[in-house]
Protein backbone atom coordinates (compact mmCIF):
# COMPACT_ATOMS: atom_id res chain seq x y z
CA MET A 1 14.84 27.29 -88.32
CA THR A 2 11.39 27.06 -86.80
CA LEU A 3 10.08 25.39 -89.98
CA VAL A 4 13.11 23.05 -90.00
CA GLY A 5 12.30 22.19 -86.22
CA ALA A 6 8.49 21.71 -86.82
CA LEU A 7 9.17 19.31 -90.08
CA ALA A 8 11.97 17.38 -88.34
CA GLY A 9 9.36 17.02 -85.00
CA ASP A 10 6.92 15.57 -87.18
CA ALA A 11 9.25 13.29 -88.72
CA LEU A 12 10.28 11.86 -85.41
CA GLY A 13 6.85 10.52 -84.56
CA ASP A 14 5.31 10.43 -81.18
CA PRO A 15 7.62 12.35 -78.61
CA ARG A 16 6.34 10.15 -75.76
CA ARG A 17 7.69 7.32 -77.42
CA TRP A 18 11.42 9.12 -77.13
CA GLY A 19 10.99 10.55 -73.78
CA LEU A 20 13.21 13.30 -72.43
CA ASP A 21 16.57 11.67 -72.45
CA GLY A 22 17.14 12.44 -76.02
CA ALA A 23 16.24 16.37 -75.22
CA ALA A 24 18.48 16.45 -72.33
CA VAL A 25 21.35 14.92 -74.08
CA ALA A 26 20.83 17.66 -76.86
CA ALA A 27 20.94 20.38 -74.23
CA PHE A 28 23.77 18.99 -72.47
CA LEU A 29 25.64 18.70 -75.83
CA GLY A 30 24.93 22.17 -76.78
CA LEU A 31 26.58 23.23 -73.31
CA LEU A 32 29.44 20.74 -73.89
CA TRP A 33 30.39 21.63 -77.27
CA PRO A 34 32.58 24.76 -76.77
CA ARG A 35 34.60 22.60 -74.22
CA LEU A 36 35.40 19.74 -76.75
CA ARG A 37 39.25 20.97 -77.63
CA GLY A 38 41.59 18.20 -77.46
CA ARG A 39 41.52 14.41 -77.47
CA GLU A 40 40.72 13.71 -73.81
CA PRO A 41 37.23 15.76 -73.85
CA TRP A 42 36.33 14.02 -76.88
CA ALA A 43 36.95 10.71 -75.47
CA VAL A 44 35.17 11.33 -72.27
CA ALA A 45 32.07 12.56 -74.47
CA THR A 46 32.30 9.24 -76.78
CA VAL A 47 32.47 7.24 -73.67
CA CYS A 48 29.48 8.68 -71.94
CA ALA A 49 27.53 8.61 -75.18
CA VAL A 50 28.12 5.04 -75.83
CA VAL A 51 27.30 4.46 -71.96
CA THR A 52 24.18 6.43 -72.24
CA VAL A 53 22.87 4.57 -75.73
CA LEU A 54 23.62 1.39 -74.00
CA ALA A 55 21.83 2.22 -70.60
CA ILE A 56 18.76 3.48 -72.66
CA PRO A 57 16.97 0.06 -73.00
CA LEU A 58 17.82 -1.22 -69.47
CA VAL A 59 17.07 1.58 -67.36
CA PRO A 60 13.90 3.90 -66.65
CA PRO A 61 13.89 7.21 -68.59
CA GLY A 62 16.12 9.86 -66.82
CA ILE A 63 18.49 7.54 -65.48
CA PRO A 64 20.66 7.08 -68.40
CA ILE A 65 21.96 10.70 -68.39
CA LEU A 66 22.75 10.11 -64.88
CA VAL A 67 24.85 7.13 -65.47
CA ALA A 68 26.58 9.16 -68.33
CA ALA A 69 27.19 11.93 -65.80
CA ALA A 70 28.67 9.48 -63.06
CA VAL A 71 30.97 8.13 -66.04
CA ALA A 72 32.29 11.56 -66.67
CA ALA A 73 32.79 12.29 -62.65
CA LEU A 74 34.72 8.96 -62.48
CA VAL A 75 37.05 9.48 -65.51
CA GLY A 76 37.46 13.32 -64.16
CA TRP A 77 38.37 11.89 -60.30
CA TRP A 78 40.44 9.20 -61.80
CA GLY A 79 42.30 11.82 -64.26
CA ARG A 80 42.98 13.91 -61.10
CA GLU A 81 44.41 10.97 -59.08
CA ARG A 82 46.85 10.26 -61.79
CA ALA A 83 47.77 13.64 -62.78
CA PRO A 84 50.34 14.29 -60.08
CA GLU A 85 52.43 11.21 -61.31
CA GLU A 86 52.31 12.27 -64.79
CA VAL A 87 53.71 15.86 -63.74
CA ALA A 88 56.37 14.29 -61.54
CA ALA A 89 57.35 11.92 -64.60
CA ARG A 90 58.08 14.68 -66.75
């Protein structure tokens, strides 16, 4: 795997061109992956990924991952606010 990483790293080109946002997202995805069970976690992860990709050309490096985290926090907060209503409806 080290050889694959070395070859893939060379194929990516200059790492300064990509910044650290890609590495942070990859590390976050590695931590998140075991929790992606069910539709809702996948939906939140997809929305956050889209928000991150859209934010990358618009904001300085490091900010897209913070924007994605804020979106995830808002979705979680909104989900907690509506959860008692859904429980009462059942």
